[in-house]
Amino acid sequence: MREVFILGSTGSIGTQALELIANNPGRFCLRGLSAGGANLALLARQAARFHPDTIAICADKGKEFASVLTQLLANADEEETSPLAVTVGKYRPEILTGEKASSQLAAQASCDSVVLNGITGGVGLEPTLAALESGATLALANKESLIVGGALVKAACRRPGQIVPVDSEHSAIAQALASGVHHKGLTSVNQDGRSEVSQIILTASGGPFRGKKRADLAEVNAQQALNHPTWSMGPVVTINSSTLVNKGLELIEAHLLFDVAPESIVPVIHPQSIVHSGVTWRDGATVLQASPPDMRLPIALGLDWPTRLDNTVTPLDFTVTQQWQFEPVDHETFPAIKLARQAVASSSSHPAVYNAANEVFVAAFLQEKLSYLQIVDSLAQVLSEHTGVDNPDLGQIMAAQTWAKTKAQEIVMNAR
């Protein structure tokens, strides 16, 4: 039975992971949950059902929330029974609180554990480092922590393959790499140190504005940008998908995860979201991973890599006619991917600035303080003004993020 810790349990990734655990009794033992405190009622229901040893509340009012959670747990424990645990008296988990609570929870893991990091944003960096330092397998849905931490995160790995990607695209790339004759771990290099990979194919749905030109996007509002045609995601990821900033972040992530140069990562628009990415080998063959657009598949692989769970999703039906479409990216209308390449080329701290500044601009757009086109235009401005740092330590990464957010907030204040 595999021990699991879930960071960000009340979000989309966390709730789907718990569904998978519930559907596979005897396969997993849930040891810990963490959440930000915005949905304590859901967190209490999750805890009452699965009875983890430890719960982490990562919020400024963590101690106040802990009191509320304790009462909610007492009520929920009387109403719900868990098929995965035996209740002896009242269930009373350890409750961790404060900004470091997720990191403290991740540090409780061991080399036999899996830590699923489903936290959103750059705040996931320290929990990622704590999970890696514990020796646990890190199922990484929080792409921002790798993008922000870069070499620091890679240096924290205690063994090859310790990070298993949960993004659908990077899970697809990992699966494609696993088909290689010389594959060992999640690497593009064979036993002789020679790259087996010619290109990484990184697919994108194109979001709600596929086919639009820049002039068409001048009056876009939040409701339109949040109307993703394929995926159901949180607001930040959905806005990032519409601007293709998300694809820029994923390009940086793929570069770091698989040791492939950014120029060898080819983004392509695939509106059906059936092919999730792939690998072109040096002999000219391309291996693509295809499945329905359902995050349960990469989450399941992250929880139990390299083993596959039974009947995770309904497979594609090849007895009916299907058409899969692929288009080049319109970099003039959507320059975010080019900015990501520039960030990687500029310095090791530029990707952290790319992510941090974008978080501010997306929040401002959602609050109607910034226009849609100003999100990426302003991001380009911040990147151009950043003095990069090569091989930054954790303090320098945090300083770069703080600088980026401060600069971004200044731009927002002067906007419109």
Protein backbone atom coordinates (compact mmCIF):
# COMPACT_ATOMS: atom_id res chain seq x y z
CA MET A 1 0.00 0.00 0.00
CA ARG A 2 1.49 3.30 -1.10
CA GLU A 3 1.50 6.24 1.32
CA VAL A 4 0.20 9.48 -0.19
CA PHE A 5 0.33 13.13 0.89
CA ILE A 6 -1.82 15.59 -1.08
CA LEU A 7 -0.93 19.28 -1.10
CA GLY A 8 -3.81 21.44 -2.31
CA SER A 9 -6.47 18.84 -1.54
CA THR A 10 -9.52 21.09 -2.04
CA GLY A 11 -8.47 22.19 -5.54
CA SER A 12 -9.20 20.48 -8.84
CA ILE A 13 -6.11 18.23 -8.78
CA GLY A 14 -6.55 17.31 -5.13
CA THR A 15 -10.23 16.43 -5.35
CA GLN A 16 -9.66 14.24 -8.41
CA ALA A 17 -6.74 12.50 -6.70
CA LEU A 18 -8.95 11.68 -3.72
CA GLU A 19 -11.58 10.28 -6.08
CA LEU A 20 -8.93 7.96 -7.55
CA ILE A 21 -7.80 6.87 -4.09
CA ALA A 22 -11.40 6.13 -3.11
CA ASN A 23 -11.89 4.09 -6.29
CA ASN A 24 -8.81 1.98 -5.59
CA PRO A 25 -9.26 0.68 -2.00
CA GLY A 26 -6.26 -1.14 -0.61
CA ARG A 27 -3.90 0.53 -3.11
CA PHE A 28 -3.16 3.76 -1.26
CA CYS A 29 -2.93 5.00 2.33
CA LEU A 30 -3.63 8.72 2.65
CA ARG A 31 -1.27 10.13 5.27
CA GLY A 32 -1.73 13.89 4.91
CA LEU A 33 -3.79 16.69 3.37
CA SER A 34 -3.01 20.37 2.98
CA ALA A 35 -5.19 23.27 1.82
CA GLY A 36 -5.23 27.04 1.95
CA GLY A 37 -8.27 27.33 4.20
CA ALA A 38 -10.68 28.81 1.67
CA ASN A 39 -12.94 25.72 1.82
CA LEU A 40 -12.69 24.30 5.34
CA ALA A 41 -15.99 22.45 5.02
CA LEU A 42 -14.67 20.43 2.07
CA LEU A 43 -11.35 19.83 3.84
CA ALA A 44 -13.27 18.50 6.86
CA ARG A 45 -15.32 16.16 4.68
CA GLN A 46 -12.16 14.88 3.01
CA ALA A 47 -10.48 14.28 6.35
CA ALA A 48 -13.55 12.56 7.83
CA ARG A 49 -13.69 10.21 4.88
CA PHE A 50 -10.00 9.27 4.61
CA HIS A 51 -8.69 9.90 8.15
CA PRO A 52 -5.20 11.19 7.31
CA ASP A 53 -2.76 11.46 10.22
CA THR A 54 -2.00 15.12 9.55
CA ILE A 55 -3.83 18.11 8.06
CA ALA A 56 -2.05 21.34 7.10
CA ILE A 57 -3.83 24.70 6.81
CA CYS A 58 -1.62 27.18 4.96
CA ALA A 59 -3.14 30.54 5.86
CA ASP A 60 -2.39 33.63 7.93
CA LYS A 61 -5.38 32.77 10.12
CA GLY A 62 -4.30 29.15 10.39
CA LYS A 63 -4.83 28.87 14.16
CA GLU A 64 -8.33 30.33 13.91
CA PHE A 65 -9.10 28.02 10.99
CA ALA A 66 -7.77 25.05 12.98
CA SER A 67 -10.42 25.65 15.66
CA VAL A 68 -13.13 25.82 13.01
CA LEU A 69 -11.78 22.69 11.33
CA THR A 70 -11.74 20.77 14.62
CA GLN A 71 -15.44 21.49 15.13
CA LEU A 72 -16.25 20.65 11.51
CA LEU A 73 -14.38 17.37 11.90
CA ALA A 74 -16.32 16.49 15.03
CA ASN A 75 -19.57 17.06 13.16
CA ALA A 76 -18.42 15.31 9.98
CA ASP A 77 -17.05 12.31 11.90
CA GLU A 78 -20.52 11.63 13.23
CA GLU A 79 -22.07 11.85 9.76
CA GLU A 80 -19.55 10.06 7.52
CA THR A 81 -17.86 6.71 7.68
CA SER A 82 -14.66 5.92 5.82
CA PRO A 83 -14.31 2.74 3.77
CA LEU A 84 -10.54 3.10 4.03
CA ALA A 85 -10.06 3.51 7.76
CA VAL A 86 -11.45 2.18 11.03
CA THR A 87 -12.70 4.88 13.40
CA VAL A 88 -11.76 4.28 17.01
CA GLY A 89 -13.50 6.94 19.07
CA LYS A 90 -13.32 10.47 17.75
CA TYR A 91 -10.95 11.15 14.86
CA ARG A 92 -8.40 13.78 15.89
CA PRO A 93 -5.58 14.39 13.39
CA GLU A 94 -2.53 16.54 13.95
CA ILE A 95 -3.23 19.99 12.50
CA LEU A 96 -0.38 22.13 11.20
CA THR A 97 -0.95 25.84 10.55
CA GLY A 98 0.85 28.80 9.02
CA GLU A 99 2.71 29.66 5.82
CA LYS A 100 5.10 26.71 6.19
CA ALA A 101 2.40 24.13 6.94
CA SER A 102 2.49 22.44 3.52
CA SER A 103 6.27 22.21 3.67
CA GLN A 104 6.09 20.73 7.17
CA LEU A 105 3.57 18.18 5.94
CA ALA A 106 5.70 17.25 2.93
CA ALA A 107 8.70 16.78 5.22
CA GLN A 108 6.79 13.99 7.01
CA ALA A 109 6.98 11.84 3.87
CA SER A 110 9.58 9.11 3.33
CA CYS A 111 11.24 7.41 0.38
CA ASP A 112 8.25 5.05 0.18
CA SER A 113 5.73 7.91 -0.03
CA VAL A 114 4.24 9.94 -2.85
CA VAL A 115 3.69 13.68 -2.37
CA LEU A 116 1.23 15.12 -4.88
CA ASN A 117 1.85 18.86 -5.11
CA GLY A 118 -1.38 20.34 -6.47
CA ILE A 119 -0.80 23.83 -5.07
CA THR A 120 -1.28 26.71 -7.53
CA GLY A 121 1.49 29.25 -8.09
CA GLY A 122 5.04 29.95 -7.00
CA VAL A 123 4.16 29.36 -3.34
CA GLY A 124 4.50 25.66 -4.17
CA LEU A 125 8.31 25.92 -4.36
CA GLU A 126 9.19 25.30 -0.72
CA PRO A 127 6.78 22.33 -0.39
CA THR A 128 8.36 20.87 -3.54
CA LEU A 129 11.84 21.19 -2.03
CA ALA A 130 10.65 19.67 1.26
CA ALA A 131 9.11 16.70 -0.57
CA LEU A 132 12.28 16.06 -2.55
CA GLU A 133 14.49 16.35 0.53
CA SER A 134 12.30 13.76 2.29
CA GLY A 135 13.16 11.27 -0.43
CA ALA A 136 9.53 10.86 -1.47
CA THR A 137 8.40 10.58 -5.06
CA LEU A 138 7.07 13.99 -6.06
CA ALA A 139 3.99 13.89 -8.29
CA LEU A 140 4.31 17.43 -9.60
CA ALA A 141 1.18 19.27 -10.71
CA ASN A 142 2.61 22.57 -9.44
CA LYS A 143 4.68 23.37 -12.51
CA GLU A 144 5.50 26.81 -11.13
CA SER A 145 7.77 25.41 -8.42
CA LEU A 146 10.07 23.79 -10.98
CA ILE A 147 9.95 26.85 -13.23
CA VAL A 148 10.71 29.19 -10.34
CA GLY A 149 13.25 26.93 -8.63
CA GLY A 150 14.96 25.61 -11.75
CA ALA A 151 18.36 24.11 -10.98
CA LEU A 152 17.66 24.41 -7.24
CA VAL A 153 14.78 21.95 -7.55
CA LYS A 154 16.76 19.60 -9.76
CA ALA A 155 19.67 19.66 -7.31
CA ALA A 156 17.28 18.70 -4.48
CA CYS A 157 16.43 15.42 -6.24
CA ARG A 158 17.91 12.46 -4.41
CA ARG A 159 17.52 9.97 -7.23
CA PRO A 160 16.74 9.87 -10.97
CA GLY A 161 13.04 9.94 -11.72
CA GLN A 162 12.08 11.29 -8.30
CA ILE A 163 9.87 13.90 -9.99
CA VAL A 164 6.90 12.47 -11.89
CA PRO A 165 5.04 15.13 -13.90
CA VAL A 166 1.27 15.45 -13.53
CA ASP A 167 0.61 18.12 -16.17
CA SER A 168 -1.15 16.26 -18.98
CA GLU A 169 1.48 17.38 -21.51
CA HIS A 170 4.48 16.38 -19.43
CA SER A 171 2.89 13.12 -18.39
CA ALA A 172 2.43 12.42 -22.11
CA ILE A 173 6.09 13.22 -22.79
CA ALA A 174 7.16 10.94 -19.94
CA GLN A 175 5.05 8.14 -21.36
CA ALA A 176 6.50 8.71 -24.83
CA LEU A 177 10.03 8.70 -23.43
CA ALA A 178 9.26 5.41 -21.71
CA SER A 179 8.78 3.87 -25.14
CA GLY A 180 12.41 4.54 -26.07
CA VAL A 181 14.69 1.54 -26.47
CA HIS A 182 17.32 2.99 -24.13
CA HIS A 183 14.91 4.63 -21.74
CA LYS A 184 15.91 4.64 -18.08
CA GLY A 185 13.95 7.05 -15.92
CA LEU A 186 12.46 10.25 -17.32
CA THR A 187 15.41 11.27 -19.47
CA SER A 188 16.09 12.02 -23.11
CA VAL A 189 19.65 10.65 -22.96
CA ASN A 190 20.58 7.02 -23.62
CA GLN A 191 23.14 4.84 -21.86
CA ASP A 192 25.96 6.26 -23.98
CA GLY A 193 25.11 9.84 -23.01
CA ARG A 194 23.74 10.55 -26.47
CA SER A 195 20.40 12.25 -26.92
CA GLU A 196 17.76 9.96 -28.34
CA VAL A 197 15.36 12.87 -28.79
CA SER A 198 15.21 15.18 -31.79
CA GLN A 199 12.19 17.22 -30.64
CA ILE A 200 9.57 17.43 -27.93
CA ILE A 201 6.09 18.02 -29.37
CA LEU A 202 4.15 20.20 -26.90
CA THR A 203 0.46 20.42 -27.73
CA ALA A 204 -1.90 23.26 -26.81
CA SER A 205 -5.65 23.49 -27.22
CA GLY A 206 -5.42 27.10 -28.38
CA GLY A 207 -7.89 28.18 -25.72
CA PRO A 208 -11.05 30.21 -26.38
CA PHE A 209 -9.35 32.64 -28.77
CA ARG A 210 -7.76 30.24 -31.25
CA GLY A 211 -7.72 31.84 -34.70
CA LYS A 212 -8.19 35.37 -33.38
CA LYS A 213 -5.84 38.23 -34.22
CA ARG A 214 -4.51 40.82 -31.78
CA ALA A 215 -7.12 43.41 -32.77
CA ASP A 216 -9.88 40.91 -31.96
CA LEU A 217 -8.66 40.63 -28.35
CA ALA A 218 -8.70 44.31 -27.38
CA GLU A 219 -12.06 44.15 -25.59
CA VAL A 220 -11.88 40.62 -24.16
CA ASN A 221 -13.37 40.31 -20.67
CA ALA A 222 -12.79 37.77 -17.90
CA GLN A 223 -15.93 35.76 -18.64
CA GLN A 224 -14.82 35.24 -22.23
CA ALA A 225 -11.27 34.32 -21.23
CA LEU A 226 -12.51 31.83 -18.63
CA ASN A 227 -14.65 30.00 -21.20
CA HIS A 228 -12.17 27.26 -22.10
CA PRO A 229 -13.45 24.97 -24.88
CA THR A 230 -11.95 21.72 -23.55
CA TRP A 231 -10.65 21.73 -19.98
CA SER A 232 -12.26 22.61 -16.66
CA MET A 233 -9.53 24.29 -14.60
CA GLY A 234 -9.01 26.96 -11.98
CA PRO A 235 -9.21 30.64 -13.02
CA VAL A 236 -5.45 31.32 -13.10
CA VAL A 237 -4.63 28.30 -15.26
CA THR A 238 -7.61 29.01 -17.53
CA ILE A 239 -6.52 32.62 -18.15
CA ASN A 240 -2.95 31.42 -18.70
CA SER A 241 -4.25 28.93 -21.24
CA SER A 242 -6.06 31.67 -23.13
CA THR A 243 -2.93 33.86 -23.37
CA LEU A 244 -0.65 30.83 -23.99
CA VAL A 245 1.39 31.89 -20.94
CA ASN A 246 0.56 28.41 -19.65
CA LYS A 247 2.26 26.94 -22.70
CA GLY A 248 5.26 29.17 -22.08
CA LEU A 249 5.43 27.86 -18.50
CA GLU A 250 5.10 24.30 -19.80
CA LEU A 251 7.92 24.85 -22.29
CA ILE A 252 10.20 25.91 -19.44
CA GLU A 253 9.02 22.93 -17.39
CA ALA A 254 9.71 20.48 -20.23
CA HIS A 255 13.17 21.98 -20.73
CA LEU A 256 14.00 21.45 -17.06
CA LEU A 257 12.33 18.07 -16.59
CA PHE A 258 13.67 16.33 -19.67
CA ASP A 259 16.96 18.17 -20.33
CA VAL A 260 15.86 19.23 -23.81
CA ALA A 261 16.90 22.62 -25.20
CA PRO A 262 14.03 25.12 -25.54
CA GLU A 263 14.61 25.42 -29.28
CA SER A 264 13.98 21.66 -29.58
CA ILE A 265 10.53 21.97 -27.97
CA VAL A 266 7.90 22.57 -30.63
CA PRO A 267 4.52 23.95 -29.48
CA VAL A 268 1.59 23.06 -31.73
CA ILE A 269 -2.12 23.90 -31.54
CA HIS A 270 -4.34 20.82 -31.27
CA PRO A 271 -7.90 21.97 -30.49
CA GLN A 272 -9.33 18.49 -29.81
CA SER A 273 -6.95 18.00 -26.83
CA ILE A 274 -6.72 14.28 -27.58
CA VAL A 275 -2.99 14.13 -28.32
CA HIS A 276 -1.37 15.44 -25.15
CA SER A 277 2.21 15.74 -26.44
CA GLY A 278 4.96 13.45 -27.65
CA VAL A 279 8.52 12.87 -28.71
CA THR A 280 10.24 12.82 -32.10
CA TRP A 281 13.27 10.52 -31.97
CA ARG A 282 16.54 11.09 -33.78
CA ASP A 283 15.66 8.44 -36.37
CA GLY A 284 12.58 10.46 -37.44
CA ALA A 285 9.89 8.43 -35.63
CA THR A 286 7.35 10.32 -33.51
CA VAL A 287 5.58 8.78 -30.51
CA LEU A 288 2.42 10.61 -29.39
CA GLN A 289 0.28 9.91 -26.32
CA ALA A 290 -3.46 10.13 -26.94
CA SER A 291 -6.35 9.85 -24.50
CA PRO A 292 -9.55 11.72 -23.61
CA PRO A 293 -8.99 15.17 -22.06
CA ASP A 294 -9.33 13.95 -18.48
CA MET A 295 -6.84 14.90 -15.76
CA ARG A 296 -7.50 11.70 -13.81
CA LEU A 297 -5.15 9.82 -16.13
CA PRO A 298 -1.98 11.87 -15.44
CA ILE A 299 -2.93 12.17 -11.75
CA ALA A 300 -3.26 8.37 -11.49
CA LEU A 301 0.12 7.89 -13.14
CA GLY A 302 1.63 10.42 -10.75
CA LEU A 303 0.23 8.59 -7.73
CA ASP A 304 1.53 5.15 -8.75
CA TRP A 305 4.19 5.66 -11.44
CA PRO A 306 5.14 3.61 -13.41
CA THR A 307 2.19 1.33 -12.60
CA ARG A 308 -1.15 2.04 -14.27
CA LEU A 309 -4.46 1.84 -12.40
CA ASP A 310 -7.35 -0.11 -13.91
CA ASN A 311 -10.15 1.71 -15.73
CA THR A 312 -9.03 5.22 -14.85
CA VAL A 313 -10.73 6.78 -17.89
CA THR A 314 -12.90 5.51 -20.73
CA PRO A 315 -10.52 4.92 -23.66
CA LEU A 316 -10.88 6.50 -27.08
CA ASP A 317 -13.26 4.73 -29.43
CA PHE A 318 -11.43 3.94 -32.66
CA THR A 319 -14.47 2.29 -34.22
CA VAL A 320 -15.94 5.74 -34.98
CA THR A 321 -14.67 8.45 -37.32
CA GLN A 322 -12.43 11.05 -35.67
CA GLN A 323 -10.49 14.01 -36.97
CA TRP A 324 -7.47 15.40 -35.15
CA GLN A 325 -6.26 18.84 -36.18
CA PHE A 326 -2.80 20.38 -35.74
CA GLU A 327 -1.89 24.02 -36.41
CA PRO A 328 1.20 26.18 -35.91
CA VAL A 329 1.14 28.71 -33.08
CA ASP A 330 0.42 32.31 -34.07
CA HIS A 331 3.33 33.90 -32.20
CA GLU A 332 2.41 37.42 -33.35
CA THR A 333 -0.99 37.31 -31.65
CA PHE A 334 0.19 35.15 -28.75
CA PRO A 335 3.83 36.10 -27.95
CA ALA A 336 3.93 34.44 -24.50
CA ILE A 337 5.85 31.37 -25.71
CA LYS A 338 8.54 33.54 -27.31
CA LEU A 339 8.83 35.41 -24.00
CA ALA A 340 9.33 32.10 -22.20
CA ARG A 341 12.16 31.14 -24.54
CA GLN A 342 13.74 34.56 -23.96
CA ALA A 343 13.39 34.12 -20.21
CA VAL A 344 15.29 30.81 -20.28
CA ALA A 345 18.00 32.34 -22.48
CA SER A 346 18.37 35.45 -20.29
CA SER A 347 19.21 34.03 -16.87
CA SER A 348 18.26 31.43 -14.29
CA SER A 349 16.08 33.94 -12.41
CA HIS A 350 14.10 35.20 -15.42
CA PRO A 351 11.68 32.22 -15.39
CA ALA A 352 10.80 33.04 -11.76
CA VAL A 353 10.09 36.62 -12.80
CA TYR A 354 7.99 35.39 -15.75
CA ASN A 355 5.79 33.38 -13.41
CA ALA A 356 5.56 35.86 -10.53
CA ALA A 357 4.74 38.89 -12.66
CA ASN A 358 2.15 36.95 -14.63
CA GLU A 359 0.37 35.94 -11.39
CA VAL A 360 -0.04 39.63 -10.54
CA PHE A 361 -1.25 40.57 -14.02
CA VAL A 362 -3.79 37.74 -14.18
CA ALA A 363 -5.20 38.75 -10.79
CA ALA A 364 -5.42 42.36 -11.98
CA PHE A 365 -7.23 41.30 -15.17
CA LEU A 366 -9.74 39.26 -13.19
CA GLN A 367 -10.34 42.34 -11.01
CA GLU A 368 -10.79 44.51 -14.15
CA LYS A 369 -7.69 46.57 -13.32
CA LEU A 370 -5.83 45.51 -16.48
CA SER A 371 -6.98 44.80 -20.02
CA TYR A 372 -6.53 41.38 -21.57
CA LEU A 373 -3.75 42.42 -23.97
CA GLN A 374 -1.92 44.21 -21.16
CA ILE A 375 -1.29 40.87 -19.40
CA VAL A 376 1.42 39.70 -21.80
CA ASP A 377 2.49 43.21 -22.88
CA SER A 378 3.20 44.06 -19.24
CA LEU A 379 4.93 40.72 -18.72
CA ALA A 380 7.35 41.58 -21.54
CA GLN A 381 8.09 44.92 -19.86
CA VAL A 382 8.92 43.33 -16.50
CA LEU A 383 11.19 40.72 -18.09
CA SER A 384 13.07 43.41 -20.02
CA GLU A 385 13.80 45.33 -16.82
CA HIS A 386 14.94 42.38 -14.71
CA THR A 387 18.65 42.06 -13.89
CA GLY A 388 19.15 38.33 -14.04
CA VAL A 389 20.94 36.05 -11.60
CA ASP A 390 22.61 32.83 -12.69
CA ASN A 391 22.55 29.84 -10.33
CA PRO A 392 20.43 31.66 -7.71
CA ASP A 393 19.99 30.26 -4.22
CA LEU A 394 16.57 30.13 -2.55
CA GLY A 395 16.94 33.63 -1.10
CA GLN A 396 17.80 35.09 -4.51
CA ILE A 397 14.84 33.31 -6.11
CA MET A 398 12.50 34.70 -3.47
CA ALA A 399 14.02 38.17 -3.97
CA ALA A 400 13.50 37.92 -7.74
CA GLN A 401 9.86 36.98 -7.22
CA THR A 402 9.34 39.84 -4.77
CA TRP A 403 10.93 42.29 -7.20
CA ALA A 404 8.75 40.99 -10.05
CA LYS A 405 5.54 41.28 -8.05
CA THR A 406 6.41 44.78 -6.86
CA LYS A 407 7.25 45.89 -10.39
CA ALA A 408 4.07 44.28 -11.74
CA GLN A 409 1.94 45.99 -9.10
CA GLU A 410 3.46 49.36 -10.08
CA ILE A 411 2.46 48.70 -13.69
CA VAL A 412 -1.06 47.77 -12.65
CA MET A 413 -1.42 50.95 -10.60
CA ASN A 414 -0.41 53.05 -13.61
CA ALA A 415 -2.52 51.10 -16.11
CA ARG A 416 -5.58 52.45 -17.92
